[in-house]
Amino acid sequence: MTIGERIKQIRKAEKLTQQGFAKEIGVGWLSVASWEQGQKQPGKARLYVIADRFAVNLDWLQTGEGNVYKKENVENSKEYPVDIETIKKLFQSLPPKLQKLVIEAMREMVETGEIVPRSLINTVDISGKINGNVEINQNGEKSKE
């Protein structure tokens, strides 16, 4: 069984469409479709997200070996528990330049109490848009339409 087939198995077990699954893990549905069809494979960080989000054993997801689920009782698998090991692994999978940006943003969030730190807004606001369709102003707020 391929990684794509295992991802499809998880998606079907959760009774999600490709679009629903994609939304849960923060990717476009075409990515999910290409994984399931074996055209592409998800990156290491995305595998951590899938494993954490759906309480799936990461080793099983990567290799097909071992138990499918981390734990027997997965009724709360739709919640995002704070798991420092998952956060650490995700952080370590980032390139050094992005690690620095994340640390700066977290420091700023702690110091200011703002949900979206200015350092990230300035990074995203290069084009004045997020994902090409949401105008934002210099305060990081949606522009009035």
C-alpha atoms as a PDB file:
ATOM      1  CA  MET A   1       0.000   0.000   0.000  1.00  0.00           C
ATOM      2  CA  THR A   2       1.375   3.437  -0.966  1.00  0.00           C
ATOM      3  CA  ILE A   3       1.344   6.621   1.116  1.00  0.00           C
ATOM      4  CA  GLY A   4      -1.420   7.882  -1.152  1.00  0.00           C
ATOM      5  CA  GLU A   5      -3.518   4.784  -0.493  1.00  0.00           C
ATOM      6  CA  ARG A   6      -2.977   5.189   3.258  1.00  0.00           C
ATOM      7  CA  ILE A   7      -4.025   8.843   3.059  1.00  0.00           C
ATOM      8  CA  LYS A   8      -7.143   7.794   1.157  1.00  0.00           C
ATOM      9  CA  GLN A   9      -7.857   5.164   3.820  1.00  0.00           C
ATOM     10  CA  ILE A  10      -7.670   7.822   6.545  1.00  0.00           C
ATOM     11  CA  ARG A  11      -9.841  10.217   4.547  1.00  0.00           C
ATOM     12  CA  LYS A  12     -12.503   7.561   3.935  1.00  0.00           C
ATOM     13  CA  ALA A  13     -12.430   6.458   7.592  1.00  0.00           C
ATOM     14  CA  GLU A  14     -13.113  10.082   8.561  1.00  0.00           C
ATOM     15  CA  LYS A  15     -15.920  10.215   5.958  1.00  0.00           C
ATOM     16  CA  LEU A  16     -14.362  13.235   4.273  1.00  0.00           C
ATOM     17  CA  THR A  17     -14.260  14.264   0.638  1.00  0.00           C
ATOM     18  CA  GLN A  18     -10.910  15.236  -0.823  1.00  0.00           C
ATOM     19  CA  GLN A  19     -11.973  18.849  -0.381  1.00  0.00           C
ATOM     20  CA  GLY A  20     -12.935  18.296   3.264  1.00  0.00           C
ATOM     21  CA  PHE A  21      -9.716  16.439   4.014  1.00  0.00           C
ATOM     22  CA  ALA A  22      -7.671  19.152   2.306  1.00  0.00           C
ATOM     23  CA  LYS A  23      -9.360  21.832   4.390  1.00  0.00           C
ATOM     24  CA  GLU A  24      -8.644  19.919   7.612  1.00  0.00           C
ATOM     25  CA  ILE A  25      -4.899  19.803   6.875  1.00  0.00           C
ATOM     26  CA  GLY A  26      -4.530  23.181   5.187  1.00  0.00           C
ATOM     27  CA  VAL A  27      -3.849  22.259   1.563  1.00  0.00           C
ATOM     28  CA  GLY A  28      -5.732  22.448  -1.724  1.00  0.00           C
ATOM     29  CA  TRP A  29      -7.847  19.473  -2.747  1.00  0.00           C
ATOM     30  CA  LEU A  30      -5.735  18.949  -5.871  1.00  0.00           C
ATOM     31  CA  SER A  31      -2.793  18.114  -3.600  1.00  0.00           C
ATOM     32  CA  VAL A  32      -4.844  15.424  -1.880  1.00  0.00           C
ATOM     33  CA  ALA A  33      -5.979  14.050  -5.246  1.00  0.00           C
ATOM     34  CA  SER A  34      -2.402  13.906  -6.566  1.00  0.00           C
ATOM     35  CA  TRP A  35      -1.217  12.124  -3.403  1.00  0.00           C
ATOM     36  CA  GLU A  36      -4.001   9.559  -3.581  1.00  0.00           C
ATOM     37  CA  GLN A  37      -3.281   8.907  -7.270  1.00  0.00           C
ATOM     38  CA  GLY A  38       0.435   8.492  -6.552  1.00  0.00           C
ATOM     39  CA  GLN A  39       1.432  11.433  -8.763  1.00  0.00           C
ATOM     40  CA  LYS A  40       3.062  13.288  -5.852  1.00  0.00           C
ATOM     41  CA  GLN A  41       3.904  12.659  -2.218  1.00  0.00           C
ATOM     42  CA  PRO A  42       3.269  14.986   0.702  1.00  0.00           C
ATOM     43  CA  GLY A  43       6.261  16.578   2.371  1.00  0.00           C
ATOM     44  CA  LYS A  44       7.487  15.550   5.793  1.00  0.00           C
ATOM     45  CA  ALA A  45       5.812  18.497   7.540  1.00  0.00           C
ATOM     46  CA  ARG A  46       2.444  17.686   5.937  1.00  0.00           C
ATOM     47  CA  LEU A  47       2.741  14.044   7.062  1.00  0.00           C
ATOM     48  CA  TYR A  48       3.221  15.286  10.639  1.00  0.00           C
ATOM     49  CA  VAL A  49       0.097  17.418  10.294  1.00  0.00           C
ATOM     50  CA  ILE A  50      -1.951  14.480   8.954  1.00  0.00           C
ATOM     51  CA  ALA A  51      -0.682  12.150  11.682  1.00  0.00           C
ATOM     52  CA  ASP A  52      -1.382  14.676  14.427  1.00  0.00           C
ATOM     53  CA  ARG A  53      -4.746  15.841  13.095  1.00  0.00           C
ATOM     54  CA  PHE A  54      -6.195  12.359  12.661  1.00  0.00           C
ATOM     55  CA  ALA A  55      -4.337  10.620  15.540  1.00  0.00           C
ATOM     56  CA  VAL A  56      -2.565   8.365  13.041  1.00  0.00           C
ATOM     57  CA  ASN A  57       0.718   6.587  13.729  1.00  0.00           C
ATOM     58  CA  LEU A  58       3.354   8.490  11.719  1.00  0.00           C
ATOM     59  CA  ASP A  59       5.382   5.325  11.089  1.00  0.00           C
ATOM     60  CA  TRP A  60       2.328   3.622   9.605  1.00  0.00           C
ATOM     61  CA  LEU A  61       1.595   6.651   7.458  1.00  0.00           C
ATOM     62  CA  GLN A  62       5.151   6.729   6.087  1.00  0.00           C
ATOM     63  CA  THR A  63       5.888   3.004   5.763  1.00  0.00           C
ATOM     64  CA  GLY A  64       2.665   1.069   6.255  1.00  0.00           C
ATOM     65  CA  GLU A  65       4.149  -0.729   9.251  1.00  0.00           C
ATOM     66  CA  GLY A  66       2.678  -0.793  12.747  1.00  0.00           C
ATOM     67  CA  ASN A  67      -0.745   0.213  14.010  1.00  0.00           C
ATOM     68  CA  VAL A  68      -2.793   2.676  11.992  1.00  0.00           C
ATOM     69  CA  TYR A  69      -3.838   4.824  14.950  1.00  0.00           C
ATOM     70  CA  LYS A  70      -1.735   6.269  17.775  1.00  0.00           C
ATOM     71  CA  LYS A  71      -4.355   5.359  20.319  1.00  0.00           C
ATOM     72  CA  GLU A  72      -7.466   3.230  20.473  1.00  0.00           C
ATOM     73  CA  ASN A  73      -9.817   6.013  21.506  1.00  0.00           C
ATOM     74  CA  VAL A  74      -9.796   8.734  18.820  1.00  0.00           C
ATOM     75  CA  GLU A  75     -13.123  10.411  19.517  1.00  0.00           C
ATOM     76  CA  ASN A  76     -11.347  13.757  20.038  1.00  0.00           C
ATOM     77  CA  SER A  77      -9.208  13.468  16.895  1.00  0.00           C
ATOM     78  CA  LYS A  78     -10.889  16.521  15.337  1.00  0.00           C
ATOM     79  CA  GLU A  79      -9.361  18.793  17.978  1.00  0.00           C
ATOM     80  CA  TYR A  80      -5.853  20.207  17.773  1.00  0.00           C
ATOM     81  CA  PRO A  81      -4.109  19.156  20.977  1.00  0.00           C
ATOM     82  CA  VAL A  82      -0.926  20.988  21.904  1.00  0.00           C
ATOM     83  CA  ASP A  83       1.781  18.420  21.329  1.00  0.00           C
ATOM     84  CA  ILE A  84       5.232  19.908  21.804  1.00  0.00           C
ATOM     85  CA  GLU A  85       6.931  17.021  20.001  1.00  0.00           C
ATOM     86  CA  THR A  86       4.817  17.564  16.868  1.00  0.00           C
ATOM     87  CA  ILE A  87       5.491  21.301  17.003  1.00  0.00           C
ATOM     88  CA  LYS A  88       9.215  20.615  17.436  1.00  0.00           C
ATOM     89  CA  LYS A  89       9.320  18.231  14.471  1.00  0.00           C
ATOM     90  CA  LEU A  90       7.374  20.644  12.261  1.00  0.00           C
ATOM     91  CA  PHE A  91       9.661  23.505  13.256  1.00  0.00           C
ATOM     92  CA  GLN A  92      12.799  21.450  12.570  1.00  0.00           C
ATOM     93  CA  SER A  93      11.509  20.557   9.108  1.00  0.00           C
ATOM     94  CA  LEU A  94      11.425  24.265   8.151  1.00  0.00           C
ATOM     95  CA  PRO A  95      14.344  25.894   6.358  1.00  0.00           C
ATOM     96  CA  PRO A  96      16.508  28.044   8.706  1.00  0.00           C
ATOM     97  CA  LYS A  97      15.203  31.297   7.206  1.00  0.00           C
ATOM     98  CA  LEU A  98      11.610  30.324   8.038  1.00  0.00           C
ATOM     99  CA  GLN A  99      12.620  29.108  11.500  1.00  0.00           C
ATOM    100  CA  LYS A 100      13.969  32.596  12.208  1.00  0.00           C
ATOM    101  CA  LEU A 101      10.725  34.168  10.957  1.00  0.00           C
ATOM    102  CA  VAL A 102       8.616  31.868  13.158  1.00  0.00           C
ATOM    103  CA  ILE A 103      10.697  32.654  16.248  1.00  0.00           C
ATOM    104  CA  GLU A 104      10.476  36.402  15.593  1.00  0.00           C
ATOM    105  CA  ALA A 105       6.705  36.161  15.079  1.00  0.00           C
ATOM    106  CA  MET A 106       6.213  34.131  18.264  1.00  0.00           C
ATOM    107  CA  ARG A 107       8.290  36.583  20.316  1.00  0.00           C
ATOM    108  CA  GLU A 108       6.247  39.453  18.960  1.00  0.00           C
ATOM    109  CA  MET A 109       2.980  37.644  19.713  1.00  0.00           C
ATOM    110  CA  VAL A 110       4.033  37.063  23.322  1.00  0.00           C
ATOM    111  CA  GLU A 111       5.251  40.644  23.778  1.00  0.00           C
ATOM    112  CA  THR A 112       2.280  42.391  22.142  1.00  0.00           C
ATOM    113  CA  GLY A 113      -0.527  39.906  22.656  1.00  0.00           C
ATOM    114  CA  GLU A 114      -1.496  40.302  18.992  1.00  0.00           C
ATOM    115  CA  ILE A 115      -2.799  37.273  17.144  1.00  0.00           C
ATOM    116  CA  VAL A 116      -1.073  38.200  13.874  1.00  0.00           C
ATOM    117  CA  PRO A 117       2.270  39.859  14.537  1.00  0.00           C
ATOM    118  CA  ARG A 118       3.360  42.812  12.379  1.00  0.00           C
ATOM    119  CA  SER A 119       6.471  40.904  11.270  1.00  0.00           C
ATOM    120  CA  LEU A 120       4.238  38.348   9.542  1.00  0.00           C
ATOM    121  CA  ILE A 121       1.898  40.990   8.138  1.00  0.00           C
ATOM    122  CA  ASN A 122       4.847  42.779   6.585  1.00  0.00           C
ATOM    123  CA  THR A 123       6.053  39.512   5.084  1.00  0.00           C
ATOM    124  CA  VAL A 124       2.652  38.595   3.659  1.00  0.00           C
ATOM    125  CA  ASP A 125       1.793  42.132   2.602  1.00  0.00           C
ATOM    126  CA  ILE A 126       4.466  42.383  -0.091  1.00  0.00           C
ATOM    127  CA  SER A 127       1.781  42.133  -2.782  1.00  0.00           C
ATOM    128  CA  GLY A 128      -0.961  43.734  -0.685  1.00  0.00           C
ATOM    129  CA  LYS A 129      -2.989  40.536  -0.879  1.00  0.00           C
ATOM    130  CA  ILE A 130      -3.230  37.156   0.808  1.00  0.00           C
ATOM    131  CA  ASN A 131      -3.700  34.228  -1.604  1.00  0.00           C
ATOM    132  CA  GLY A 132      -4.355  36.752  -4.345  1.00  0.00           C
ATOM    133  CA  ASN A 133      -7.900  37.565  -3.285  1.00  0.00           C
ATOM    134  CA  VAL A 134      -8.089  39.279   0.100  1.00  0.00           C
ATOM    135  CA  GLU A 135      -6.920  42.880   0.210  1.00  0.00           C
ATOM    136  CA  ILE A 136      -5.286  43.845   3.515  1.00  0.00           C
ATOM    137  CA  ASN A 137      -4.227  47.266   4.771  1.00  0.00           C
ATOM    138  CA  GLN A 138      -1.069  48.257   6.645  1.00  0.00           C
ATOM    139  CA  ASN A 139      -2.709  47.301   9.959  1.00  0.00           C
ATOM    140  CA  GLY A 140      -3.204  43.745   8.705  1.00  0.00           C
ATOM    141  CA  GLU A 141      -6.961  44.189   8.507  1.00  0.00           C
ATOM    142  CA  LYS A 142      -9.179  43.336   5.553  1.00  0.00           C
ATOM    143  CA  SER A 143      -9.713  46.379   3.399  1.00  0.00           C
ATOM    144  CA  LYS A 144     -13.299  47.530   3.068  1.00  0.00           C
ATOM    145  CA  GLU A 145     -14.824  46.568  -0.255  1.00  0.00           C
END
